[in-house]
Amino acid sequence: MKGNGRVVAFFIVILLVVVLIVLNLTLFTISDITVLNKVYSDLIIDNDIITSSNIQAGSNIFSLSERKAISNIEIDNPYIKVTSIERKFPNKIIIHVTVRTAVMTIAVNGGDGYALLDSNLKILEIVNQYSNLYSASTKIVGITVDAPVIGNTLNTVNTYNAVLQIIGNIADNENLDGVAFLTFFEKITFVPDITVNNVRIKINSGVTFALTNNQYVEQQLRYCLEKYKLTDELSLERKSGYYFFDGDIGWVWTANIADLD
């Protein structure tokens, strides 16, 4: 009897394994891939996004590498940002996307145009100085980018790029991303050969925030933004001049650029 019981148990286990294999190969086989966008844009072309993802109909839903699919899509489609890839069991994949907004330009080393970036330093395309996208962008002055590759992101190990990343992150948190970023920041200048007040962020109202490129750049910029917001909207300090840190008296505003040296 014990022997018969073992045989029955063995066949039950085999049967369960077979059922699981069949379910895995049929029920959980991807049959539907769709793209869901947060905003309408001519840049969102469903078939191109699905093709770029390299997600194959007929493959197993559990074998999907979301990270690889996102990377594939965003390299082939620089303006597309994948917010998530959703597995909807048993056999459906939904790719959630939005569109990146070009906000800043950096000159390409060697004079071959300008790299157009979003707030996360993603290179969206290369434009020339006559482009409307260049005209509308926040200009980055004092640094260049070497051999930019469309679809890549600038390396933030570079201290200048790290500062730009901080500015982009703060813009996101302060609701200054996209169009608002463009309407707020006019120009970001890196000043060589000086050690203080060497990052100058000019905003469209005419005011410039003079920061020192060190580990406290983020705190400096947040303080300048807060001080600017608290200033009377009709005052000269909201229309021109410079906010900077004076070692003797703290954060101050001046109308004279010579005070920054």
Protein backbone atom coordinates (compact mmCIF):
# COMPACT_ATOMS: atom_id res chain seq x y z
CA MET A 1 0.00 0.00 0.00
CA LYS A 2 2.80 2.38 0.89
CA GLY A 3 4.41 1.70 -2.46
CA ASN A 4 1.16 2.47 -4.29
CA GLY A 5 0.80 5.69 -2.32
CA ARG A 6 4.28 6.82 -3.38
CA VAL A 7 3.47 6.07 -7.02
CA VAL A 8 0.25 8.07 -6.83
CA ALA A 9 2.05 10.98 -5.18
CA PHE A 10 4.77 10.84 -7.83
CA PHE A 11 2.23 11.00 -10.66
CA ILE A 12 0.38 13.87 -8.96
CA VAL A 13 3.62 15.84 -8.75
CA ILE A 14 4.39 15.08 -12.41
CA LEU A 15 0.87 16.16 -13.38
CA LEU A 16 1.19 19.43 -11.45
CA VAL A 17 4.54 20.16 -13.09
CA VAL A 18 3.06 19.50 -16.54
CA VAL A 19 0.08 21.75 -15.78
CA LEU A 20 2.38 24.54 -14.61
CA ILE A 21 4.55 24.22 -17.71
CA VAL A 22 1.50 24.30 -19.98
CA LEU A 23 0.09 27.35 -18.18
CA ASN A 24 3.46 29.07 -18.33
CA LEU A 25 3.76 28.43 -22.07
CA THR A 26 0.17 29.37 -22.94
CA LEU A 27 -1.73 31.40 -20.35
CA PHE A 28 1.26 33.68 -19.53
CA THR A 29 2.36 34.18 -23.12
CA ILE A 30 2.35 37.86 -24.14
CA SER A 31 -0.36 38.47 -26.72
CA ASP A 32 -1.19 42.17 -26.30
CA ILE A 33 1.27 45.11 -26.11
CA THR A 34 -0.15 48.62 -25.89
CA VAL A 35 1.19 52.13 -25.31
CA LEU A 36 -0.58 54.48 -22.92
CA ASN A 37 0.47 58.13 -23.03
CA LYS A 38 -0.04 60.84 -20.40
CA VAL A 39 -0.09 63.61 -23.00
CA TYR A 40 -0.98 63.80 -26.66
CA SER A 41 2.00 64.35 -28.94
CA ASP A 42 2.96 63.62 -32.53
CA LEU A 43 6.22 62.30 -31.06
CA ILE A 44 4.39 59.33 -29.54
CA ILE A 45 4.11 56.69 -32.26
CA ASP A 46 2.83 53.47 -30.71
CA ASN A 47 4.25 51.04 -33.27
CA ASP A 48 7.72 52.63 -33.12
CA ILE A 49 7.74 52.44 -29.32
CA ILE A 50 6.62 48.80 -29.28
CA THR A 51 9.21 47.87 -31.91
CA SER A 52 11.97 49.68 -30.03
CA SER A 53 11.07 47.93 -26.78
CA ASN A 54 11.95 44.56 -28.32
CA ILE A 55 9.13 43.02 -26.28
CA GLN A 56 8.05 40.04 -28.34
CA ALA A 57 4.50 38.79 -28.65
CA GLY A 58 4.59 35.10 -27.85
CA SER A 59 7.27 35.42 -25.18
CA ASN A 60 6.68 34.68 -21.52
CA ILE A 61 5.41 37.58 -19.43
CA PHE A 62 7.70 36.62 -16.55
CA SER A 63 10.82 36.78 -18.71
CA LEU A 64 10.31 40.47 -19.55
CA SER A 65 13.20 42.75 -18.51
CA GLU A 66 11.56 46.12 -17.84
CA ARG A 67 14.89 47.91 -17.46
CA LYS A 68 16.16 46.66 -20.81
CA ALA A 69 12.90 47.49 -22.59
CA ILE A 70 12.90 51.04 -21.17
CA SER A 71 16.52 51.53 -22.21
CA ASN A 72 15.76 50.28 -25.73
CA ILE A 73 12.81 52.63 -26.13
CA GLU A 74 14.53 55.73 -24.76
CA ILE A 75 17.70 55.27 -26.82
CA ASP A 76 15.74 54.87 -30.06
CA ASN A 77 13.23 57.62 -29.16
CA PRO A 78 15.09 60.37 -27.24
CA TYR A 79 11.99 62.51 -26.71
CA ILE A 80 10.06 59.62 -25.14
CA LYS A 81 10.23 59.01 -21.40
CA VAL A 82 8.93 55.66 -20.18
CA THR A 83 7.31 56.18 -16.80
CA SER A 84 6.61 52.48 -16.25
CA ILE A 85 5.99 49.13 -17.93
CA GLU A 86 2.99 47.32 -16.49
CA ARG A 87 2.39 43.58 -16.57
CA LYS A 88 -1.35 43.00 -16.68
CA PHE A 89 -1.80 39.31 -16.07
CA PRO A 90 -2.12 36.93 -17.62
CA ASN A 91 -0.82 38.13 -21.00
CA LYS A 92 -0.92 41.91 -21.48
CA ILE A 93 1.86 44.53 -21.40
CA ILE A 94 1.15 48.26 -21.08
CA ILE A 95 3.98 50.73 -21.77
CA HIS A 96 3.28 54.05 -20.02
CA VAL A 97 5.03 57.01 -21.66
CA THR A 98 5.24 60.78 -21.65
CA VAL A 99 7.24 63.31 -23.68
CA ARG A 100 10.45 64.97 -22.60
CA THR A 101 10.67 68.76 -22.88
CA ALA A 102 13.79 70.37 -24.30
CA VAL A 103 14.95 73.04 -21.86
CA MET A 104 18.65 73.86 -22.29
CA THR A 105 21.46 73.93 -24.84
CA ILE A 106 25.22 73.44 -24.50
CA ALA A 107 27.69 74.14 -27.30
CA VAL A 108 29.28 71.07 -28.86
CA ASN A 109 33.08 71.17 -28.53
CA GLY A 110 34.52 72.05 -31.92
CA GLY A 111 31.67 74.34 -32.90
CA ASP A 112 29.38 71.75 -34.47
CA GLY A 113 26.05 72.97 -33.11
CA TYR A 114 24.41 72.70 -29.70
CA ALA A 115 23.27 69.71 -27.68
CA LEU A 116 19.61 70.12 -26.74
CA LEU A 117 18.85 68.67 -23.28
CA ASP A 118 15.88 68.07 -21.03
CA SER A 119 16.01 68.81 -17.29
CA ASN A 120 17.51 65.35 -16.64
CA LEU A 121 20.42 66.09 -19.06
CA LYS A 122 19.13 63.69 -21.70
CA ILE A 123 20.49 64.64 -25.15
CA LEU A 124 17.40 65.00 -27.35
CA GLU A 125 19.00 66.27 -30.54
CA ILE A 126 21.73 68.50 -31.97
CA VAL A 127 20.55 71.90 -33.21
CA ASN A 128 22.15 75.00 -34.70
CA GLN A 129 21.98 78.59 -33.52
CA TYR A 130 19.21 79.41 -36.01
CA SER A 131 16.88 76.74 -34.65
CA ASN A 132 13.71 77.84 -32.85
CA LEU A 133 14.51 75.24 -30.22
CA TYR A 134 17.87 76.91 -29.59
CA SER A 135 16.31 80.37 -29.42
CA ALA A 136 13.74 79.22 -26.86
CA SER A 137 16.19 77.27 -24.69
CA THR A 138 18.02 78.16 -21.50
CA LYS A 139 21.61 78.77 -22.65
CA ILE A 140 24.52 77.07 -20.86
CA VAL A 141 27.64 79.23 -21.20
CA GLY A 142 31.27 78.59 -20.28
CA ILE A 143 31.36 74.84 -20.88
CA THR A 144 31.03 72.54 -23.89
CA VAL A 145 30.11 68.91 -24.46
CA ASP A 146 32.40 66.47 -26.30
CA ALA A 147 30.97 64.19 -29.01
CA PRO A 148 27.38 64.12 -27.74
CA VAL A 149 25.33 61.04 -28.60
CA ILE A 150 21.60 61.57 -29.08
CA GLY A 151 19.69 59.47 -26.55
CA ASN A 152 22.51 59.44 -24.00
CA THR A 153 22.53 61.33 -20.70
CA LEU A 154 25.40 63.63 -19.71
CA ASN A 155 27.73 62.12 -17.12
CA THR A 156 27.19 63.82 -13.76
CA VAL A 157 30.64 62.75 -12.53
CA ASN A 158 31.65 65.95 -14.33
CA THR A 159 31.17 68.70 -11.72
CA TYR A 160 29.59 71.13 -14.20
CA ASN A 161 27.08 68.53 -15.34
CA ALA A 162 26.38 67.70 -11.70
CA VAL A 163 25.43 71.34 -11.09
CA LEU A 164 23.09 71.25 -14.10
CA GLN A 165 21.53 68.06 -12.74
CA ILE A 166 20.94 69.77 -9.39
CA ILE A 167 19.29 72.71 -11.14
CA GLY A 168 17.12 70.30 -13.13
CA ASN A 169 16.09 68.39 -9.99
CA ILE A 170 15.20 71.58 -8.15
CA ALA A 171 13.23 72.75 -11.17
CA ASP A 172 11.22 69.52 -11.03
CA ASN A 173 10.55 69.93 -7.30
CA GLU A 174 9.71 73.62 -7.67
CA ASN A 175 7.31 72.93 -10.55
CA LEU A 176 9.68 74.65 -12.97
CA ASP A 177 10.07 71.72 -15.35
CA GLY A 178 9.32 71.91 -19.06
CA VAL A 179 7.85 75.14 -20.31
CA ALA A 180 8.02 76.71 -16.84
CA PHE A 181 11.75 75.91 -16.70
CA LEU A 182 12.23 77.82 -19.95
CA THR A 183 10.21 80.80 -18.76
CA PHE A 184 12.14 80.98 -15.47
CA PHE A 185 15.81 80.32 -16.34
CA GLU A 186 17.39 82.44 -19.06
CA LYS A 187 21.08 81.56 -18.87
CA ILE A 188 23.45 79.51 -16.71
CA THR A 189 27.07 80.65 -16.87
CA PHE A 190 30.13 78.85 -15.51
CA VAL A 191 32.86 81.44 -14.90
CA PRO A 192 36.42 80.04 -15.21
CA ASP A 193 39.48 81.01 -13.17
CA ILE A 194 37.64 82.13 -10.03
CA THR A 195 36.80 80.06 -6.96
CA VAL A 196 33.70 81.86 -5.61
CA ASN A 197 30.47 82.99 -7.25
CA ASN A 198 31.53 81.00 -10.33
CA VAL A 199 28.07 79.68 -11.23
CA ARG A 200 25.72 82.45 -12.31
CA ILE A 201 22.11 81.62 -12.96
CA LYS A 202 20.21 84.40 -14.66
CA ILE A 203 16.44 84.19 -14.53
CA ASN A 204 14.09 85.83 -16.98
CA SER A 205 13.09 88.61 -14.60
CA GLY A 206 16.66 89.96 -14.89
CA VAL A 207 18.00 88.76 -11.52
CA THR A 208 21.13 86.57 -11.29
CA PHE A 209 21.90 84.02 -8.55
CA ALA A 210 25.67 83.85 -8.00
CA LEU A 211 26.66 80.50 -6.48
CA THR A 212 29.95 78.82 -5.64
CA ASN A 213 30.50 75.46 -7.31
CA ASN A 214 31.03 73.20 -4.30
CA GLN A 215 29.15 70.52 -2.38
CA TYR A 216 26.61 73.11 -1.19
CA VAL A 217 25.35 74.25 -4.59
CA GLU A 218 21.90 72.77 -4.01
CA GLN A 219 21.46 74.54 -0.66
CA GLN A 220 22.70 77.80 -2.18
CA LEU A 221 20.22 77.68 -5.05
CA ARG A 222 17.31 76.74 -2.80
CA TYR A 223 18.15 79.65 -0.51
CA CYS A 224 18.33 82.08 -3.44
CA LEU A 225 14.97 80.89 -4.76
CA GLU A 226 13.37 81.27 -1.35
CA LYS A 227 14.87 84.73 -0.80
CA TYR A 228 13.77 85.79 -4.28
CA LYS A 229 10.19 84.60 -3.69
CA LEU A 230 9.99 86.54 -0.40
CA THR A 231 11.12 89.79 -1.99
CA ASP A 232 8.52 92.44 -2.82
CA GLU A 233 7.44 91.91 -6.43
CA LEU A 234 7.75 95.63 -7.17
CA SER A 235 11.26 96.00 -5.75
CA LEU A 236 14.44 96.35 -7.78
CA GLU A 237 15.65 93.08 -6.22
CA ARG A 238 13.03 91.21 -8.27
CA LYS A 239 14.06 92.83 -11.55
CA SER A 240 17.86 93.05 -11.69
CA GLY A 241 21.09 92.65 -9.77
CA TYR A 242 22.71 89.68 -8.04
CA TYR A 243 22.05 87.49 -5.02
CA PHE A 244 25.27 86.12 -3.54
CA PHE A 245 26.87 85.03 -0.27
CA ASP A 246 29.10 87.50 1.56
CA GLY A 247 31.33 85.84 4.18
CA ASP A 248 30.92 88.75 6.58
CA ILE A 249 27.20 89.45 6.41
CA GLY A 250 25.62 86.40 4.78
CA TRP A 251 23.32 86.35 1.76
CA VAL A 252 22.89 89.75 0.15
CA TRP A 253 21.64 91.44 -3.01
CA THR A 254 23.74 93.88 -5.00
CA ALA A 255 23.23 95.88 -8.17
CA ASN A 256 26.97 95.87 -8.85
CA ILE A 257 28.58 92.86 -10.54
CA ALA A 258 31.98 93.94 -9.18
CA ASP A 259 30.81 92.96 -5.68
CA LEU A 260 30.89 89.31 -6.74
CA ASP A 261 34.69 89.27 -7.15
